[in-house]
Amino acid sequence: MSFEGDTVLVTGGASFIGSHLVEELVEEGADVRVADDLSSGERENLVAVQEEVEFREGNLKDRSFANEATEDIDRLFHLAADHGGRGYISNYPANCATNMALDNIVFEAAVQNGVEKITFASSACTYPTDIQQERQRLQEDMVSFDERGGAYADETYGWAKLMGERSLQAFHEQYGVDTSSVRIFTAYGPRENETHAIIALIAKAYAGQNPYQIWGDGEQTRNFTYVKDITKALRLANENITDSTPVNAGISEYISINEVVDAIFEYLGEEPGEINHMTDKPVGVRHRAADTTRAEELLGWKPEYSLEDGLAETIDWYTANRDREYVRENLETLLHER
């Protein structure tokens, strides 16, 4: 896999996942442009490659900016979106709905400017919610655009991501542009903010929250997938898929929130004290894990990071970059605002 000499645009490239992807593309020899409005991303996330990356700040829902950002680009990774953790997508559905306009404006501008390959950062939230109450690994064909009742996405955010996939497929069908969609499952890692589950749980422990709050009974499961595994899947999809076939990027393990909490406190060498399970809070689907057969077959992709390895990297980053007293004083704001 090589991007040597290619001019690559990463929308949302100053964000959590985007900034890791940008670093890897630079390492692969690409000429990288980042387009970001910094609503959730930060310029500091790109400090390691700031001299090697072209940065353009602006809102991609502005057609003129989208056109400017996609000029003279060979490959596009579209990660820009209005998003957050479960609390955010539950409380700000209208914000999440704007992603449908954003995606189409970016795709249209890219096609008009002759971009050759487009990879879309989709989401596990595209999967029907009613099949995630029991443990069954999600396969890509559990979502269908061809069968009546074949789609039942997770909140407005999930529907917007699903429509993004369908729009990208339409651009492939009409214009022949190479396209791919990667359904990201519960990514975590350095540079993520506290509105997302893993960082929220780390922040609460780091701040010494007492009683320690867990949304729901803690037995809901997710397949927490380390960011470096996600970015590898994105790069492989851009290289290998041309017809919009979606692929999962997630681990196949069911990991409960309670298990994550135990692992965090064990790594920190601290005790949680009293735990308050807040069953009135939004928790999303009961169980979620990915079937990765298609990613293995089409991309040769398998996750490389265990939860223990990923948590160690993430906790070390968080404690090195966040002042404990600041987190303690601003915890509620950090947990709910992007």
Protein backbone atom coordinates (compact mmCIF):
# COMPACT_ATOMS: atom_id res chain seq x y z
CA MET A 1 0.00 0.00 0.00
CA SER A 2 1.52 3.28 -1.12
CA PHE A 3 0.22 6.80 -1.59
CA GLU A 4 3.57 8.08 -2.85
CA GLY A 5 3.10 11.17 -5.00
CA ASP A 6 -0.70 11.28 -4.65
CA THR A 7 -2.45 14.45 -3.59
CA VAL A 8 -4.88 13.44 -0.86
CA LEU A 9 -7.62 15.44 0.85
CA VAL A 10 -8.78 14.47 4.34
CA THR A 11 -11.94 16.30 5.38
CA GLY A 12 -12.16 16.51 9.14
CA GLY A 13 -8.42 15.90 9.14
CA ALA A 14 -7.80 17.79 12.38
CA SER A 15 -10.20 15.51 14.23
CA PHE A 16 -9.45 12.48 16.38
CA ILE A 17 -9.47 9.80 13.67
CA GLY A 18 -8.62 12.22 10.87
CA SER A 19 -5.37 13.44 12.41
CA HIS A 20 -4.08 9.88 12.84
CA LEU A 21 -4.97 9.16 9.21
CA VAL A 22 -3.19 12.32 8.05
CA GLU A 23 0.00 11.30 9.85
CA GLU A 24 -0.07 7.87 8.22
CA LEU A 25 -0.69 9.30 4.74
CA VAL A 26 2.26 11.67 5.14
CA GLU A 27 4.39 8.71 6.20
CA GLU A 28 3.20 6.86 3.07
CA GLY A 29 4.52 9.70 0.90
CA ALA A 30 1.26 11.47 0.05
CA ASP A 31 0.89 15.21 -0.41
CA VAL A 32 -1.88 15.85 2.12
CA ARG A 33 -4.43 18.64 2.30
CA VAL A 34 -6.71 18.97 5.34
CA ALA A 35 -10.09 20.72 5.26
CA ASP A 36 -11.65 21.27 8.67
CA ASP A 37 -13.87 23.86 10.36
CA LEU A 38 -12.33 23.04 13.78
CA SER A 39 -15.74 22.56 15.37
CA SER A 40 -14.43 19.42 17.04
CA GLY A 41 -10.94 19.06 15.58
CA GLU A 42 -7.87 20.96 16.77
CA ARG A 43 -4.85 22.30 14.92
CA GLU A 44 -2.70 20.85 17.72
CA ASN A 45 -3.68 17.36 16.59
CA LEU A 46 -1.58 17.94 13.47
CA VAL A 47 1.47 19.40 15.17
CA ALA A 48 3.68 16.42 14.24
CA VAL A 49 3.10 17.00 10.51
CA GLN A 50 2.15 20.69 10.37
CA GLU A 51 5.10 21.57 8.13
CA GLU A 52 4.19 18.83 5.66
CA VAL A 53 0.42 19.36 5.40
CA GLU A 54 -1.64 22.02 3.65
CA PHE A 55 -4.38 23.15 6.02
CA ARG A 56 -7.56 24.92 4.91
CA GLU A 57 -10.08 26.07 7.48
CA GLY A 58 -13.71 26.35 6.43
CA ASN A 59 -17.20 24.90 6.43
CA LEU A 60 -17.62 22.20 3.79
CA LYS A 61 -21.37 22.86 3.64
CA ASP A 62 -20.29 26.05 1.86
CA ARG A 63 -20.17 24.95 -1.79
CA SER A 64 -17.43 27.39 -2.70
CA PHE A 65 -15.19 26.09 0.08
CA ALA A 66 -15.95 22.46 -0.83
CA ASN A 67 -15.01 23.21 -4.42
CA GLU A 68 -11.80 24.94 -3.34
CA ALA A 69 -10.87 22.09 -1.00
CA THR A 70 -11.31 19.38 -3.65
CA GLU A 71 -9.40 21.09 -6.47
CA ASP A 72 -6.33 19.22 -7.78
CA ILE A 73 -6.96 16.20 -5.54
CA ASP A 74 -6.37 12.55 -6.51
CA ARG A 75 -7.90 10.81 -3.49
CA LEU A 76 -10.42 11.90 -0.88
CA PHE A 77 -11.04 10.57 2.60
CA HIS A 78 -14.30 12.12 3.81
CA LEU A 79 -14.36 12.10 7.62
CA ALA A 80 -15.92 15.52 8.29
CA ALA A 81 -19.21 15.23 10.18
CA ASP A 82 -21.22 16.69 13.02
CA HIS A 83 -20.95 13.93 15.58
CA GLY A 84 -20.24 12.97 19.17
CA GLY A 85 -20.86 10.21 21.66
CA ARG A 86 -24.22 8.72 22.60
CA GLY A 87 -25.27 11.72 24.64
CA TYR A 88 -24.48 14.10 21.78
CA ILE A 89 -26.26 12.21 19.01
CA SER A 90 -29.29 11.71 21.24
CA ASN A 91 -29.54 15.37 22.22
CA TYR A 92 -28.58 17.04 18.92
CA PRO A 93 -30.41 15.15 16.14
CA ALA A 94 -30.82 18.24 13.95
CA ASN A 95 -27.07 18.87 14.06
CA CYS A 96 -26.46 15.29 12.97
CA ALA A 97 -29.03 15.62 10.17
CA THR A 98 -26.91 18.33 8.53
CA ASN A 99 -24.40 15.60 7.65
CA MET A 100 -26.66 14.60 4.76
CA ALA A 101 -26.17 17.99 3.12
CA LEU A 102 -22.46 18.03 3.96
CA ASP A 103 -21.80 14.63 2.38
CA ASN A 104 -23.56 15.40 -0.88
CA ILE A 105 -21.88 18.77 -1.29
CA VAL A 106 -18.45 17.20 -0.75
CA PHE A 107 -19.13 14.27 -3.10
CA GLU A 108 -20.47 16.54 -5.83
CA ALA A 109 -17.54 18.92 -5.59
CA ALA A 110 -15.08 16.02 -5.63
CA VAL A 111 -16.60 14.46 -8.74
CA GLN A 112 -16.78 17.78 -10.56
CA ASN A 113 -13.10 18.35 -9.79
CA GLY A 114 -12.07 14.94 -11.07
CA VAL A 115 -11.15 13.23 -7.80
CA GLU A 116 -10.37 9.60 -8.69
CA LYS A 117 -11.06 7.78 -5.40
CA ILE A 118 -13.42 8.63 -2.52
CA THR A 119 -13.52 6.81 0.82
CA PHE A 120 -16.35 7.63 3.22
CA ALA A 121 -16.09 7.21 6.99
CA SER A 122 -19.42 5.57 7.73
CA SER A 123 -20.58 4.09 11.03
CA ALA A 124 -21.89 1.01 12.78
CA CYS A 125 -24.91 3.20 13.52
CA THR A 126 -26.12 2.33 10.01
CA TYR A 127 -27.17 -1.13 11.25
CA PRO A 128 -30.76 -1.91 12.27
CA THR A 129 -31.20 -1.34 15.97
CA ASP A 130 -33.66 -4.17 16.51
CA ILE A 131 -31.05 -6.82 15.70
CA GLN A 132 -28.66 -5.48 18.34
CA GLN A 133 -30.55 -6.47 21.46
CA GLU A 134 -29.05 -9.96 21.43
CA ARG A 135 -25.49 -10.94 20.59
CA GLN A 136 -25.07 -11.44 16.85
CA ARG A 137 -22.14 -10.08 14.90
CA LEU A 138 -23.17 -7.52 12.33
CA GLN A 139 -22.56 -8.37 8.68
CA GLU A 140 -22.59 -5.75 5.94
CA ASP A 141 -25.51 -7.37 4.10
CA MET A 142 -27.75 -6.86 7.15
CA VAL A 143 -28.29 -3.41 5.64
CA SER A 144 -30.02 -3.41 2.26
CA PHE A 145 -31.09 -0.67 -0.14
CA ASP A 146 -32.83 -3.21 -2.36
CA GLU A 147 -35.28 -4.85 0.05
CA ARG A 148 -38.30 -3.26 1.67
CA GLY A 149 -37.56 -2.82 5.36
CA GLY A 150 -33.86 -3.44 4.76
CA ALA A 151 -32.75 -0.39 6.72
CA TYR A 152 -33.48 0.69 10.29
CA ALA A 153 -30.58 2.87 11.41
CA ASP A 154 -29.57 4.05 14.87
CA GLU A 155 -30.98 7.56 15.52
CA THR A 156 -30.66 10.47 13.10
CA TYR A 157 -26.88 10.18 13.06
CA GLY A 158 -27.12 6.59 11.79
CA TRP A 159 -29.67 7.48 9.13
CA ALA A 160 -27.44 10.32 7.92
CA LYS A 161 -24.46 7.98 7.64
CA LEU A 162 -26.59 5.44 5.78
CA MET A 163 -27.76 8.11 3.35
CA GLY A 164 -24.12 9.13 2.89
CA GLU A 165 -23.33 5.57 1.81
CA ARG A 166 -26.27 5.54 -0.59
CA SER A 167 -25.32 8.90 -2.06
CA LEU A 168 -21.74 7.79 -2.59
CA GLN A 169 -22.96 4.64 -4.32
CA ALA A 170 -25.08 6.82 -6.62
CA PHE A 171 -22.07 8.95 -7.55
CA HIS A 172 -20.18 5.77 -8.39
CA GLU A 173 -23.06 4.48 -10.53
CA GLN A 174 -23.57 7.73 -12.43
CA TYR A 175 -20.02 9.00 -12.80
CA GLY A 176 -17.84 5.89 -12.46
CA VAL A 177 -15.70 7.34 -9.68
CA ASP A 178 -14.02 4.74 -7.44
CA THR A 179 -15.74 4.77 -4.04
CA SER A 180 -15.69 2.88 -0.75
CA SER A 181 -17.38 3.10 2.64
CA VAL A 182 -15.91 1.93 5.95
CA ARG A 183 -18.35 1.31 8.78
CA ILE A 184 -16.44 2.35 11.89
CA PHE A 185 -17.27 0.55 15.12
CA THR A 186 -16.70 2.43 18.38
CA ALA A 187 -13.26 3.86 17.69
CA TYR A 188 -11.13 5.13 20.57
CA GLY A 189 -7.60 6.34 21.18
CA PRO A 190 -5.43 9.41 21.73
CA ARG A 191 -6.95 12.79 20.75
CA GLU A 192 -10.56 11.66 21.19
CA ASN A 193 -12.72 13.94 23.31
CA GLU A 194 -14.67 13.21 26.45
CA THR A 195 -18.08 12.92 24.79
CA HIS A 196 -17.11 9.41 23.64
CA ALA A 197 -17.34 6.36 25.87
CA ILE A 198 -13.73 5.33 26.49
CA ILE A 199 -12.40 8.86 27.05
CA ALA A 200 -15.43 9.70 29.20
CA LEU A 201 -14.75 6.69 31.41
CA ILE A 202 -11.05 7.57 31.64
CA ALA A 203 -11.86 11.22 32.45
CA LYS A 204 -14.23 10.25 35.27
CA ALA A 205 -11.60 7.98 36.80
CA TYR A 206 -8.83 10.55 36.35
CA ALA A 207 -10.98 13.24 37.99
CA GLY A 208 -11.80 10.98 40.91
CA GLN A 209 -15.54 11.16 40.32
CA ASN A 210 -17.34 9.76 43.36
CA PRO A 211 -19.71 8.10 43.03
CA TYR A 212 -18.33 6.95 39.69
CA GLN A 213 -21.12 7.22 37.10
CA ILE A 214 -21.80 4.57 34.47
CA TRP A 215 -24.63 5.14 32.01
CA GLY A 216 -26.96 2.15 32.04
CA ASP A 217 -26.28 -1.04 33.96
CA GLY A 218 -22.84 -1.34 32.40
CA GLU A 219 -23.57 -4.71 30.82
CA GLN A 220 -24.22 -3.19 27.39
CA THR A 221 -21.40 -4.21 25.06
CA ARG A 222 -19.42 -2.60 22.26
CA ASN A 223 -16.49 -3.70 20.15
CA PHE A 224 -14.06 -0.96 21.11
CA THR A 225 -11.58 -0.62 18.23
CA TYR A 226 -8.29 1.23 18.50
CA VAL A 227 -7.84 4.18 16.15
CA LYS A 228 -4.78 2.80 14.37
CA ASP A 229 -6.78 -0.24 13.28
CA ILE A 230 -9.52 2.08 11.96
CA THR A 231 -7.15 4.25 9.93
CA LYS A 232 -5.50 1.19 8.41
CA ALA A 233 -8.91 -0.04 7.26
CA LEU A 234 -9.64 3.35 5.68
CA ARG A 235 -6.39 3.34 3.73
CA LEU A 236 -6.85 -0.24 2.58
CA ALA A 237 -10.42 0.47 1.44
CA ASN A 238 -9.28 3.46 -0.60
CA GLU A 239 -6.65 1.29 -2.23
CA ASN A 240 -8.69 -1.84 -2.88
CA ILE A 241 -12.43 -1.10 -3.21
CA THR A 242 -13.83 0.72 -6.23
CA ASP A 243 -17.58 -0.03 -6.29
CA SER A 244 -18.86 1.41 -2.96
CA THR A 245 -18.96 -1.98 -1.26
CA PRO A 246 -19.14 -1.19 2.48
CA VAL A 247 -16.80 -2.94 4.91
CA ASN A 248 -16.79 -3.17 8.69
CA ALA A 249 -13.85 -1.91 10.72
CA GLY A 250 -14.27 -3.21 14.23
CA ILE A 251 -13.28 -6.02 16.53
CA SER A 252 -15.52 -9.05 16.89
CA GLU A 253 -15.39 -9.15 20.70
CA TYR A 254 -18.26 -8.10 22.94
CA ILE A 255 -16.77 -5.90 25.67
CA SER A 256 -19.03 -4.57 28.40
CA ILE A 257 -18.75 -1.08 29.84
CA ASN A 258 -18.17 -2.63 33.26
CA GLU A 259 -15.19 -4.56 31.88
CA VAL A 260 -13.73 -1.37 30.44
CA VAL A 261 -14.12 0.43 33.77
CA ASP A 262 -12.36 -2.40 35.59
CA ALA A 263 -9.50 -2.30 33.08
CA ILE A 264 -9.13 1.49 33.39
CA PHE A 265 -8.90 1.46 37.18
CA GLU A 266 -6.52 -1.50 37.11
CA TYR A 267 -4.19 0.33 34.72
CA LEU A 268 -4.36 3.52 36.81
CA GLY A 269 -3.70 1.50 39.96
CA GLU A 270 -6.68 3.07 41.69
CA GLU A 271 -9.99 1.94 43.21
CA PRO A 272 -13.33 3.17 41.81
CA GLY A 273 -15.09 3.54 45.16
CA GLU A 274 -18.87 3.71 44.91
CA ILE A 275 -20.35 3.11 41.45
CA ASN A 276 -23.66 4.62 40.37
CA HIS A 277 -25.29 2.88 37.40
CA MET A 278 -27.49 5.56 35.82
CA THR A 279 -30.24 3.62 34.09
CA ASP A 280 -32.07 6.79 33.00
CA LYS A 281 -29.30 7.85 30.62
CA PRO A 282 -29.23 7.07 26.85
CA VAL A 283 -27.12 3.99 26.15
CA GLY A 284 -28.03 3.03 22.59
CA VAL A 285 -28.31 -0.57 21.47
CA ARG A 286 -27.70 -3.42 23.92
CA HIS A 287 -24.97 -5.31 22.07
CA ARG A 288 -22.75 -4.48 19.11
CA ALA A 289 -19.85 -6.33 17.50
CA ALA A 290 -18.58 -6.60 13.94
CA ASP A 291 -18.30 -9.52 11.60
CA THR A 292 -15.00 -8.78 9.83
CA THR A 293 -15.10 -11.53 7.21
CA ARG A 294 -15.56 -9.11 4.31
CA ALA A 295 -12.74 -6.83 5.48
CA GLU A 296 -10.45 -9.83 5.78
CA GLU A 297 -11.36 -11.05 2.29
CA LEU A 298 -11.32 -7.74 0.43
CA LEU A 299 -8.67 -5.84 2.37
CA GLY A 300 -6.61 -8.42 4.20
CA TRP A 301 -7.51 -6.43 7.31
CA LYS A 302 -7.69 -7.68 10.88
CA PRO A 303 -7.50 -5.57 14.05
CA GLU A 304 -4.07 -5.69 15.64
CA TYR A 305 -4.66 -3.96 18.99
CA SER A 306 -6.16 -5.67 22.02
CA LEU A 307 -8.29 -3.66 24.44
CA GLU A 308 -5.45 -3.74 26.99
CA ASP A 309 -2.90 -2.40 24.49
CA GLY A 310 -5.24 0.29 23.18
CA LEU A 311 -6.29 1.40 26.64
CA ALA A 312 -2.68 1.68 27.76
CA GLU A 313 -1.87 3.97 24.81
CA THR A 314 -5.00 6.03 25.40
CA ILE A 315 -4.68 6.43 29.16
CA ASP A 316 -1.01 7.36 28.86
CA TRP A 317 -1.91 10.04 26.32
CA TYR A 318 -4.80 11.37 28.38
CA THR A 319 -2.96 11.66 31.66
CA ALA A 320 0.04 13.28 29.94
CA ASN A 321 -2.09 15.88 28.14
CA ARG A 322 -4.90 16.72 30.58
CA ASP A 323 -4.48 18.57 33.84
CA ARG A 324 -6.26 16.57 36.55
CA GLU A 325 -7.63 19.62 38.34
CA TYR A 326 -8.96 21.10 35.10
CA VAL A 327 -10.72 17.86 34.25
CA ARG A 328 -12.17 17.68 37.75
CA GLU A 329 -13.53 21.24 37.62
CA ASN A 330 -14.91 20.99 34.06
CA LEU A 331 -15.95 17.35 33.94
CA GLU A 332 -19.66 17.85 33.21
CA THR A 333 -18.97 20.27 30.38
CA LEU A 334 -16.31 18.00 28.89
CA LEU A 335 -18.67 15.02 28.95
CA HIS A 336 -21.49 16.74 27.07
CA GLU A 337 -20.00 19.32 24.70
CA ARG A 338 -18.01 18.60 21.55
